Amino acid sequence: MKSPTLNESLHSIELLKNGDFFLKYGNPCSKIGKLTKGVMRGFVYDKDEGEITTHFYQEGDMIVGSFIPNVNLSMTIQALEDCEVSVANYAEVMSQVNKDPGITEIITCEFQKLNQQLQSRLVSLLNLDSVEKYGLFLNDYPGLLNRIPHYYIAQYLGITPTQLSRARKQFAQKI
């Protein structure tokens, strides 16, 4: 008998309204999801309790707050639109890694994608000017520009909304 797939045995559907939280800072990372509809953002708090957007999630993305199940989260993940998420118990999914080749492949590919996005953002913050950061954002998150409030994009890029406006104009002149 074939072992059950992730879709058959481990998941449920969670609906979130714009502004709802999928995962919250300080809570254990007990669930993992795949975003089937909507847009979300990950953010951390700075020393003054201000929010710093660190990541955006779009349809098809895996949503996880940590690479390790059940550790306390250092970030929060919030819906920016009404969202539908296929949700599973994170520890259960990870217990199937190396037992179920399909789940292993999904987790490996999604973790590689998240790692690449995090590395791209780090290089951007450290080495690029605002126009280059904006271009990289468009490359990394195609189709999200008009779905995300621009102040979150500016936060993500590490620039002010005014700098984002200037970068957008300069980028448009370059192409």
N, C-alpha and C. Protein backbone atom coordinates (compact mmCIF):
# COMPACT_ATOMS: atom_id res chain seq x y z
N MET A 1 0.84 -1.19 0.00
CA MET A 1 0.00 0.00 0.00
C MET A 1 0.88 1.25 0.00
N LYS A 2 0.56 2.19 -0.85
CA LYS A 2 1.32 3.43 -0.99
C LYS A 2 1.10 4.31 0.25
N SER A 3 2.19 4.94 0.72
CA SER A 3 2.05 5.84 1.87
C SER A 3 1.26 7.07 1.47
N PRO A 4 0.51 7.67 2.40
CA PRO A 4 -0.30 8.85 2.06
C PRO A 4 0.58 10.03 1.68
N THR A 5 0.07 10.86 0.79
CA THR A 5 0.80 12.06 0.40
C THR A 5 0.48 13.17 1.39
N LEU A 6 1.26 14.23 1.29
CA LEU A 6 1.04 15.40 2.15
C LEU A 6 -0.39 15.91 2.02
N ASN A 7 -0.91 15.97 0.78
CA ASN A 7 -2.25 16.49 0.58
C ASN A 7 -3.32 15.62 1.20
N GLU A 8 -3.11 14.31 1.23
CA GLU A 8 -4.15 13.41 1.73
C GLU A 8 -4.22 13.36 3.25
N SER A 9 -3.09 13.43 3.93
CA SER A 9 -3.11 13.08 5.35
C SER A 9 -2.73 14.19 6.32
N LEU A 10 -1.99 15.17 5.90
CA LEU A 10 -1.40 16.08 6.87
C LEU A 10 -1.96 17.49 6.86
N HIS A 11 -2.69 17.87 5.87
CA HIS A 11 -3.03 19.30 5.74
C HIS A 11 -4.50 19.60 6.00
N SER A 12 -4.74 20.88 6.27
CA SER A 12 -6.09 21.43 6.33
C SER A 12 -6.01 22.82 5.70
N ILE A 13 -7.16 23.42 5.43
CA ILE A 13 -7.20 24.75 4.81
C ILE A 13 -7.48 25.79 5.89
N GLU A 14 -6.69 26.86 5.90
CA GLU A 14 -6.89 27.97 6.82
C GLU A 14 -7.15 29.22 6.00
N LEU A 15 -8.22 29.93 6.33
CA LEU A 15 -8.55 31.19 5.66
C LEU A 15 -8.19 32.34 6.58
N LEU A 16 -7.48 33.32 6.02
CA LEU A 16 -7.09 34.50 6.79
C LEU A 16 -7.61 35.74 6.08
N LYS A 17 -8.05 36.70 6.86
CA LYS A 17 -8.47 37.99 6.33
C LYS A 17 -7.26 38.92 6.29
N ASN A 18 -7.34 39.94 5.45
CA ASN A 18 -6.28 40.94 5.39
C ASN A 18 -6.01 41.45 6.81
N GLY A 19 -4.75 41.39 7.22
CA GLY A 19 -4.35 41.85 8.55
C GLY A 19 -4.23 40.74 9.58
N ASP A 20 -4.82 39.55 9.30
CA ASP A 20 -4.70 38.42 10.23
C ASP A 20 -3.26 37.91 10.26
N PHE A 21 -2.91 37.27 11.36
CA PHE A 21 -1.58 36.69 11.52
C PHE A 21 -1.61 35.19 11.29
N PHE A 22 -0.64 34.71 10.53
CA PHE A 22 -0.47 33.26 10.34
C PHE A 22 0.42 32.70 11.44
N LEU A 23 1.52 33.38 11.71
CA LEU A 23 2.45 33.03 12.78
C LEU A 23 2.82 34.32 13.51
N LYS A 24 3.04 34.22 14.83
CA LYS A 24 3.35 35.42 15.61
C LYS A 24 4.65 35.25 16.40
N TYR A 25 5.39 36.35 16.44
CA TYR A 25 6.64 36.44 17.19
C TYR A 25 6.47 35.86 18.60
N GLY A 26 7.46 35.06 19.01
CA GLY A 26 7.49 34.53 20.37
C GLY A 26 6.75 33.22 20.56
N ASN A 27 5.83 32.88 19.64
CA ASN A 27 5.10 31.62 19.74
C ASN A 27 5.92 30.49 19.11
N PRO A 28 5.67 29.25 19.52
CA PRO A 28 6.37 28.13 18.88
C PRO A 28 5.96 28.01 17.41
N CYS A 29 6.90 27.64 16.57
CA CYS A 29 6.63 27.43 15.14
C CYS A 29 6.06 26.03 14.98
N SER A 30 4.74 25.92 15.09
CA SER A 30 4.08 24.62 15.10
C SER A 30 3.42 24.26 13.78
N LYS A 31 3.33 25.22 12.85
CA LYS A 31 2.68 24.90 11.58
C LYS A 31 3.50 25.42 10.41
N ILE A 32 3.24 24.80 9.30
CA ILE A 32 3.87 25.15 8.03
C ILE A 32 2.75 25.24 7.01
N GLY A 33 2.88 26.09 6.03
CA GLY A 33 1.80 26.24 5.07
C GLY A 33 2.28 26.46 3.66
N LYS A 34 1.37 26.27 2.75
CA LYS A 34 1.59 26.63 1.35
C LYS A 34 0.49 27.61 0.99
N LEU A 35 0.89 28.79 0.56
CA LEU A 35 -0.06 29.85 0.23
C LEU A 35 -0.71 29.53 -1.11
N THR A 36 -2.01 29.31 -1.10
CA THR A 36 -2.72 28.99 -2.33
C THR A 36 -3.44 30.21 -2.91
N LYS A 37 -3.69 31.22 -2.06
CA LYS A 37 -4.33 32.45 -2.53
C LYS A 37 -3.92 33.59 -1.62
N GLY A 38 -3.52 34.72 -2.24
CA GLY A 38 -3.22 35.91 -1.46
C GLY A 38 -1.74 36.24 -1.38
N VAL A 39 -1.45 37.25 -0.56
CA VAL A 39 -0.08 37.73 -0.33
C VAL A 39 0.10 37.93 1.18
N MET A 40 1.27 37.56 1.67
CA MET A 40 1.62 37.74 3.08
C MET A 40 2.98 38.39 3.17
N ARG A 41 3.28 38.89 4.36
CA ARG A 41 4.61 39.43 4.61
C ARG A 41 5.13 38.87 5.92
N GLY A 42 6.44 38.70 5.98
CA GLY A 42 7.11 38.37 7.22
C GLY A 42 7.77 39.63 7.74
N PHE A 43 7.74 39.81 9.06
CA PHE A 43 8.41 40.99 9.62
C PHE A 43 8.94 40.69 11.01
N VAL A 44 9.91 41.50 11.40
CA VAL A 44 10.49 41.46 12.74
C VAL A 44 10.30 42.83 13.37
N TYR A 45 10.50 42.88 14.67
CA TYR A 45 10.42 44.16 15.38
C TYR A 45 11.82 44.67 15.65
N ASP A 46 12.01 45.99 15.45
CA ASP A 46 13.30 46.59 15.80
C ASP A 46 13.31 46.93 17.28
N LYS A 47 14.38 47.53 17.75
CA LYS A 47 14.54 47.82 19.19
C LYS A 47 13.49 48.80 19.72
N ASP A 48 12.88 49.58 18.82
CA ASP A 48 11.85 50.53 19.22
C ASP A 48 10.43 49.99 18.97
N GLU A 49 10.33 48.69 18.75
CA GLU A 49 9.05 48.01 18.48
C GLU A 49 8.46 48.39 17.12
N GLY A 50 9.26 48.98 16.25
CA GLY A 50 8.81 49.23 14.88
C GLY A 50 8.93 47.96 14.06
N GLU A 51 8.16 47.86 13.02
CA GLU A 51 8.16 46.67 12.17
C GLU A 51 9.14 46.85 11.01
N ILE A 52 9.87 45.77 10.70
CA ILE A 52 10.76 45.75 9.55
C ILE A 52 10.36 44.54 8.70
N THR A 53 9.84 44.81 7.51
CA THR A 53 9.43 43.74 6.61
C THR A 53 10.66 43.02 6.09
N THR A 54 10.66 41.69 6.22
CA THR A 54 11.82 40.89 5.82
C THR A 54 11.55 39.98 4.64
N HIS A 55 10.27 39.74 4.35
CA HIS A 55 9.95 38.76 3.31
C HIS A 55 8.52 38.96 2.83
N PHE A 56 8.29 38.60 1.58
CA PHE A 56 6.94 38.55 1.04
C PHE A 56 6.66 37.14 0.55
N TYR A 57 5.42 36.72 0.71
CA TYR A 57 4.99 35.40 0.26
C TYR A 57 3.85 35.59 -0.73
N GLN A 58 3.89 34.82 -1.81
CA GLN A 58 2.84 34.89 -2.82
C GLN A 58 2.35 33.48 -3.13
N GLU A 59 1.33 33.38 -3.95
CA GLU A 59 0.75 32.10 -4.27
C GLU A 59 1.83 31.09 -4.67
N GLY A 60 1.73 29.90 -4.08
CA GLY A 60 2.68 28.83 -4.36
C GLY A 60 3.85 28.76 -3.40
N ASP A 61 4.04 29.79 -2.58
CA ASP A 61 5.17 29.82 -1.64
C ASP A 61 4.87 29.01 -0.39
N MET A 62 5.91 28.40 0.14
CA MET A 62 5.83 27.77 1.44
C MET A 62 5.96 28.86 2.50
N ILE A 63 5.16 28.75 3.55
CA ILE A 63 5.18 29.74 4.62
C ILE A 63 5.63 29.03 5.89
N VAL A 64 6.77 29.47 6.38
CA VAL A 64 7.32 28.88 7.59
C VAL A 64 8.08 29.98 8.33
N GLY A 65 8.02 29.98 9.63
CA GLY A 65 8.66 31.02 10.41
C GLY A 65 10.04 30.65 10.91
N SER A 66 10.43 29.38 10.72
CA SER A 66 11.72 28.91 11.19
C SER A 66 12.07 27.66 10.39
N PHE A 67 13.35 27.40 10.25
CA PHE A 67 13.75 26.16 9.59
C PHE A 67 13.66 24.97 10.54
N ILE A 68 13.34 25.22 11.81
CA ILE A 68 13.27 24.17 12.83
C ILE A 68 11.89 24.22 13.49
N PRO A 69 11.16 23.09 13.50
CA PRO A 69 9.83 23.08 14.13
C PRO A 69 9.91 23.34 15.64
N ASN A 70 8.85 23.97 16.14
CA ASN A 70 8.61 24.17 17.56
C ASN A 70 9.58 25.08 18.29
N VAL A 71 10.46 25.79 17.59
CA VAL A 71 11.27 26.82 18.25
C VAL A 71 10.44 28.09 18.28
N ASN A 72 10.70 28.95 19.26
CA ASN A 72 9.96 30.21 19.33
C ASN A 72 10.34 31.10 18.16
N LEU A 73 9.32 31.70 17.58
CA LEU A 73 9.51 32.50 16.37
C LEU A 73 10.18 33.83 16.66
N SER A 74 11.06 34.23 15.76
CA SER A 74 11.69 35.54 15.85
C SER A 74 11.03 36.51 14.88
N MET A 75 10.02 36.04 14.14
CA MET A 75 9.32 36.88 13.18
C MET A 75 7.81 36.65 13.27
N THR A 76 7.06 37.50 12.61
CA THR A 76 5.62 37.40 12.50
C THR A 76 5.27 37.34 11.02
N ILE A 77 4.25 36.57 10.67
CA ILE A 77 3.79 36.48 9.28
C ILE A 77 2.33 36.89 9.25
N GLN A 78 2.04 37.90 8.40
CA GLN A 78 0.72 38.54 8.37
C GLN A 78 0.17 38.57 6.95
N ALA A 79 -1.15 38.37 6.82
CA ALA A 79 -1.83 38.45 5.53
C ALA A 79 -1.93 39.91 5.09
N LEU A 80 -1.58 40.17 3.83
CA LEU A 80 -1.74 41.51 3.24
C LEU A 80 -2.97 41.57 2.33
N GLU A 81 -3.57 40.43 2.09
CA GLU A 81 -4.82 40.29 1.36
C GLU A 81 -5.56 39.15 2.05
N ASP A 82 -6.81 38.92 1.69
CA ASP A 82 -7.48 37.71 2.15
C ASP A 82 -6.71 36.54 1.57
N CYS A 83 -6.39 35.55 2.41
CA CYS A 83 -5.52 34.45 2.01
C CYS A 83 -6.15 33.10 2.28
N GLU A 84 -5.71 32.14 1.51
CA GLU A 84 -6.03 30.73 1.73
C GLU A 84 -4.71 29.99 1.82
N VAL A 85 -4.54 29.23 2.90
CA VAL A 85 -3.28 28.54 3.14
C VAL A 85 -3.57 27.06 3.42
N SER A 86 -2.83 26.20 2.75
CA SER A 86 -2.85 24.78 3.06
C SER A 86 -1.88 24.59 4.21
N VAL A 87 -2.38 24.19 5.38
CA VAL A 87 -1.60 24.18 6.61
C VAL A 87 -1.40 22.75 7.10
N ALA A 88 -0.21 22.50 7.63
CA ALA A 88 0.10 21.20 8.23
C ALA A 88 0.88 21.41 9.52
N ASN A 89 0.85 20.40 10.37
CA ASN A 89 1.66 20.40 11.58
C ASN A 89 3.12 20.27 11.14
N TYR A 90 3.93 21.25 11.52
CA TYR A 90 5.32 21.31 11.05
C TYR A 90 6.12 20.09 11.49
N ALA A 91 6.00 19.69 12.75
CA ALA A 91 6.75 18.53 13.25
C ALA A 91 6.35 17.26 12.50
N GLU A 92 5.05 17.11 12.21
CA GLU A 92 4.60 15.93 11.47
C GLU A 92 5.18 15.90 10.07
N VAL A 93 5.16 17.05 9.40
CA VAL A 93 5.74 17.12 8.05
C VAL A 93 7.21 16.76 8.10
N MET A 94 7.95 17.35 9.04
CA MET A 94 9.38 17.08 9.12
C MET A 94 9.66 15.63 9.49
N SER A 95 8.76 14.98 10.22
CA SER A 95 8.95 13.56 10.55
C SER A 95 8.84 12.68 9.31
N GLN A 96 8.21 13.20 8.25
CA GLN A 96 8.07 12.45 7.01
C GLN A 96 9.25 12.66 6.05
N VAL A 97 10.06 13.69 6.31
CA VAL A 97 11.23 13.93 5.48
C VAL A 97 12.16 12.72 5.61
N ASN A 98 12.67 12.27 4.51
CA ASN A 98 13.54 11.09 4.37
C ASN A 98 12.75 9.78 4.44
N LYS A 99 11.47 9.82 4.78
CA LYS A 99 10.62 8.64 4.71
C LYS A 99 9.78 8.65 3.44
N ASP A 100 9.38 9.84 3.04
CA ASP A 100 8.53 10.02 1.86
C ASP A 100 9.30 10.89 0.86
N PRO A 101 9.73 10.30 -0.25
CA PRO A 101 10.54 11.06 -1.22
C PRO A 101 9.83 12.32 -1.75
N GLY A 102 8.52 12.27 -1.90
CA GLY A 102 7.79 13.44 -2.38
C GLY A 102 7.86 14.59 -1.41
N ILE A 103 7.64 14.31 -0.12
CA ILE A 103 7.72 15.35 0.90
C ILE A 103 9.15 15.87 1.03
N THR A 104 10.11 14.96 0.96
CA THR A 104 11.52 15.36 1.03
C THR A 104 11.86 16.33 -0.10
N GLU A 105 11.40 16.03 -1.30
CA GLU A 105 11.68 16.90 -2.44
C GLU A 105 11.01 18.26 -2.28
N ILE A 106 9.76 18.27 -1.83
CA ILE A 106 9.04 19.54 -1.63
C ILE A 106 9.78 20.40 -0.61
N ILE A 107 10.09 19.83 0.55
CA ILE A 107 10.74 20.60 1.62
C ILE A 107 12.11 21.08 1.17
N THR A 108 12.89 20.23 0.52
CA THR A 108 14.23 20.61 0.06
C THR A 108 14.15 21.76 -0.92
N CYS A 109 13.27 21.66 -1.91
CA CYS A 109 13.14 22.72 -2.92
C CYS A 109 12.68 24.04 -2.29
N GLU A 110 11.70 23.96 -1.39
CA GLU A 110 11.17 25.18 -0.78
C GLU A 110 12.20 25.83 0.16
N PHE A 111 12.94 25.02 0.91
CA PHE A 111 13.98 25.58 1.79
C PHE A 111 15.09 26.21 0.95
N GLN A 112 15.43 25.60 -0.18
CA GLN A 112 16.44 26.19 -1.06
C GLN A 112 15.96 27.54 -1.61
N LYS A 113 14.68 27.61 -1.98
CA LYS A 113 14.11 28.86 -2.48
C LYS A 113 14.14 29.94 -1.40
N LEU A 114 13.72 29.61 -0.19
CA LEU A 114 13.76 30.58 0.91
C LEU A 114 15.18 31.04 1.20
N ASN A 115 16.12 30.10 1.20
CA ASN A 115 17.52 30.45 1.45
C ASN A 115 18.04 31.40 0.37
N GLN A 116 17.70 31.14 -0.89
CA GLN A 116 18.15 32.01 -1.98
C GLN A 116 17.56 33.41 -1.82
N GLN A 117 16.28 33.49 -1.45
CA GLN A 117 15.65 34.80 -1.26
C GLN A 117 16.30 35.56 -0.11
N LEU A 118 16.59 34.87 0.98
CA LEU A 118 17.24 35.52 2.12
C LEU A 118 18.64 36.00 1.76
N GLN A 119 19.39 35.19 1.03
CA GLN A 119 20.74 35.61 0.61
C GLN A 119 20.67 36.79 -0.34
N SER A 120 19.72 36.77 -1.26
CA SER A 120 19.56 37.87 -2.21
C SER A 120 19.25 39.16 -1.46
N ARG A 121 18.37 39.08 -0.47
CA ARG A 121 18.02 40.27 0.31
C ARG A 121 19.22 40.79 1.09
N LEU A 122 19.99 39.90 1.68
CA LEU A 122 21.16 40.31 2.45
C LEU A 122 22.17 41.03 1.56
N VAL A 123 22.45 40.46 0.40
CA VAL A 123 23.39 41.09 -0.54
C VAL A 123 22.84 42.46 -0.97
N SER A 124 21.55 42.53 -1.22
CA SER A 124 20.92 43.78 -1.62
C SER A 124 21.09 44.86 -0.56
N LEU A 125 20.77 44.51 0.68
CA LEU A 125 20.87 45.50 1.77
C LEU A 125 22.29 46.00 1.96
N LEU A 126 23.25 45.13 1.76
CA LEU A 126 24.65 45.49 2.02
C LEU A 126 25.35 46.17 0.85
N ASN A 127 24.95 45.87 -0.38
CA ASN A 127 25.77 46.27 -1.52
C ASN A 127 25.11 47.13 -2.58
N LEU A 128 23.79 47.26 -2.58
CA LEU A 128 23.14 47.91 -3.71
C LEU A 128 22.56 49.27 -3.34
N ASP A 129 22.49 50.15 -4.34
CA ASP A 129 21.80 51.44 -4.12
C ASP A 129 20.30 51.22 -4.26
N SER A 130 19.51 52.24 -4.02
CA SER A 130 18.06 52.09 -3.98
C SER A 130 17.47 51.66 -5.32
N VAL A 131 18.02 52.13 -6.43
CA VAL A 131 17.51 51.74 -7.75
C VAL A 131 17.80 50.26 -7.99
N GLU A 132 19.00 49.82 -7.64
CA GLU A 132 19.36 48.41 -7.81
C GLU A 132 18.51 47.51 -6.89
N LYS A 133 18.28 47.96 -5.66
CA LYS A 133 17.43 47.20 -4.74
C LYS A 133 16.02 47.05 -5.31
N TYR A 134 15.50 48.14 -5.86
CA TYR A 134 14.16 48.10 -6.44
C TYR A 134 14.11 47.11 -7.61
N GLY A 135 15.11 47.14 -8.46
CA GLY A 135 15.17 46.20 -9.60
C GLY A 135 15.22 44.76 -9.13
N LEU A 136 15.99 44.51 -8.08
CA LEU A 136 16.07 43.15 -7.53
C LEU A 136 14.73 42.73 -6.92
N PHE A 137 14.04 43.66 -6.24
CA PHE A 137 12.71 43.36 -5.71
C PHE A 137 11.77 42.93 -6.85
N LEU A 138 11.77 43.68 -7.95
CA LEU A 138 10.90 43.35 -9.08
C LEU A 138 11.24 41.97 -9.65
N ASN A 139 12.51 41.64 -9.66
CA ASN A 139 12.95 40.33 -10.15
C ASN A 139 12.55 39.21 -9.19
N ASP A 140 12.74 39.44 -7.90
CA ASP A 140 12.46 38.40 -6.90
C ASP A 140 10.96 38.22 -6.64
N TYR A 141 10.18 39.28 -6.82
CA TYR A 141 8.74 39.23 -6.53
C TYR A 141 7.93 39.78 -7.70
N PRO A 142 8.01 39.12 -8.86
CA PRO A 142 7.26 39.62 -10.02
C PRO A 142 5.76 39.59 -9.74
N GLY A 143 5.08 40.63 -10.16
CA GLY A 143 3.63 40.69 -10.01
C GLY A 143 3.13 41.18 -8.67
N LEU A 144 4.01 41.48 -7.73
CA LEU A 144 3.55 41.90 -6.41
C LEU A 144 3.52 43.42 -6.23
N LEU A 145 4.12 44.16 -7.10
CA LEU A 145 4.26 45.60 -6.93
C LEU A 145 2.94 46.30 -6.60
N ASN A 146 1.89 45.95 -7.31
CA ASN A 146 0.61 46.63 -7.09
C ASN A 146 -0.29 45.90 -6.10
N ARG A 147 0.23 44.87 -5.45
CA ARG A 147 -0.55 44.13 -4.46
C ARG A 147 -0.07 44.40 -3.04
N ILE A 148 1.04 45.10 -2.90
CA ILE A 148 1.65 45.35 -1.59
C ILE A 148 1.70 46.85 -1.35
N PRO A 149 1.29 47.33 -0.18
CA PRO A 149 1.47 48.75 0.11
C PRO A 149 2.94 49.15 -0.04
N HIS A 150 3.18 50.26 -0.69
CA HIS A 150 4.56 50.65 -1.01
C HIS A 150 5.41 50.92 0.23
N TYR A 151 4.80 51.30 1.35
CA TYR A 151 5.62 51.50 2.55
C TYR A 151 6.21 50.17 3.03
N TYR A 152 5.54 49.04 2.77
CA TYR A 152 6.13 47.73 3.11
C TYR A 152 7.29 47.41 2.17
N ILE A 153 7.14 47.78 0.91
CA ILE A 153 8.24 47.56 -0.04
C ILE A 153 9.44 48.40 0.37
N ALA A 154 9.22 49.65 0.74
CA ALA A 154 10.32 50.51 1.20
C ALA A 154 10.99 49.91 2.44
N GLN A 155 10.18 49.44 3.41
CA GLN A 155 10.74 48.78 4.60
C GLN A 155 11.62 47.61 4.20
N TYR A 156 11.09 46.78 3.31
CA TYR A 156 11.82 45.60 2.84
C TYR A 156 13.15 45.98 2.20
N LEU A 157 13.15 47.06 1.44
CA LEU A 157 14.37 47.49 0.75
C LEU A 157 15.32 48.27 1.65
N GLY A 158 14.86 48.63 2.84
CA GLY A 158 15.71 49.39 3.75
C GLY A 158 15.85 50.84 3.36
N ILE A 159 14.80 51.39 2.72
CA ILE A 159 14.82 52.78 2.29
C ILE A 159 13.51 53.44 2.74
N THR A 160 13.45 54.76 2.61
CA THR A 160 12.22 55.48 2.97
C THR A 160 11.24 55.41 1.79
N PRO A 161 9.95 55.67 2.05
CA PRO A 161 8.99 55.74 0.94
C PRO A 161 9.37 56.79 -0.12
N THR A 162 9.94 57.90 0.32
CA THR A 162 10.38 58.93 -0.63
C THR A 162 11.51 58.40 -1.51
N GLN A 163 12.47 57.69 -0.91
CA GLN A 163 13.55 57.09 -1.69
C GLN A 163 13.01 56.05 -2.66
N LEU A 164 11.99 55.31 -2.24
CA LEU A 164 11.37 54.33 -3.13
C LEU A 164 10.75 55.02 -4.33
N SER A 165 10.05 56.11 -4.10
CA SER A 165 9.43 56.85 -5.19
C SER A 165 10.48 57.32 -6.20
N ARG A 166 11.58 57.85 -5.68
CA ARG A 166 12.68 58.29 -6.55
C ARG A 166 13.30 57.11 -7.31
N ALA A 167 13.49 56.00 -6.61
CA ALA A 167 14.08 54.81 -7.24
C ALA A 167 13.18 54.28 -8.35
N ARG A 168 11.88 54.31 -8.12
CA ARG A 168 10.93 53.84 -9.15
C ARG A 168 11.04 54.71 -10.40
N LYS A 169 11.13 56.03 -10.21
CA LYS A 169 11.24 56.94 -11.35
C LYS A 169 12.55 56.70 -12.09
N GLN A 170 13.66 56.59 -11.35
CA GLN A 170 14.96 56.35 -11.98
C GLN A 170 14.99 55.01 -12.68
N PHE A 171 14.38 54.00 -12.09
CA PHE A 171 14.35 52.66 -12.71
C PHE A 171 13.56 52.71 -14.02
N ALA A 172 12.43 53.40 -14.00
CA ALA A 172 11.59 53.51 -15.20
C ALA A 172 12.34 54.23 -16.32
N GLN A 173 13.17 55.21 -15.96
CA GLN A 173 13.94 55.95 -16.98
C GLN A 173 15.04 55.07 -17.59
N LYS A 174 15.53 54.10 -16.82
CA LYS A 174 16.61 53.23 -17.29
C LYS A 174 16.13 52.20 -18.30
N ILE A 175 14.86 51.81 -18.19
CA ILE A 175 14.39 50.74 -19.08
C ILE A 175 13.73 51.24 -20.33
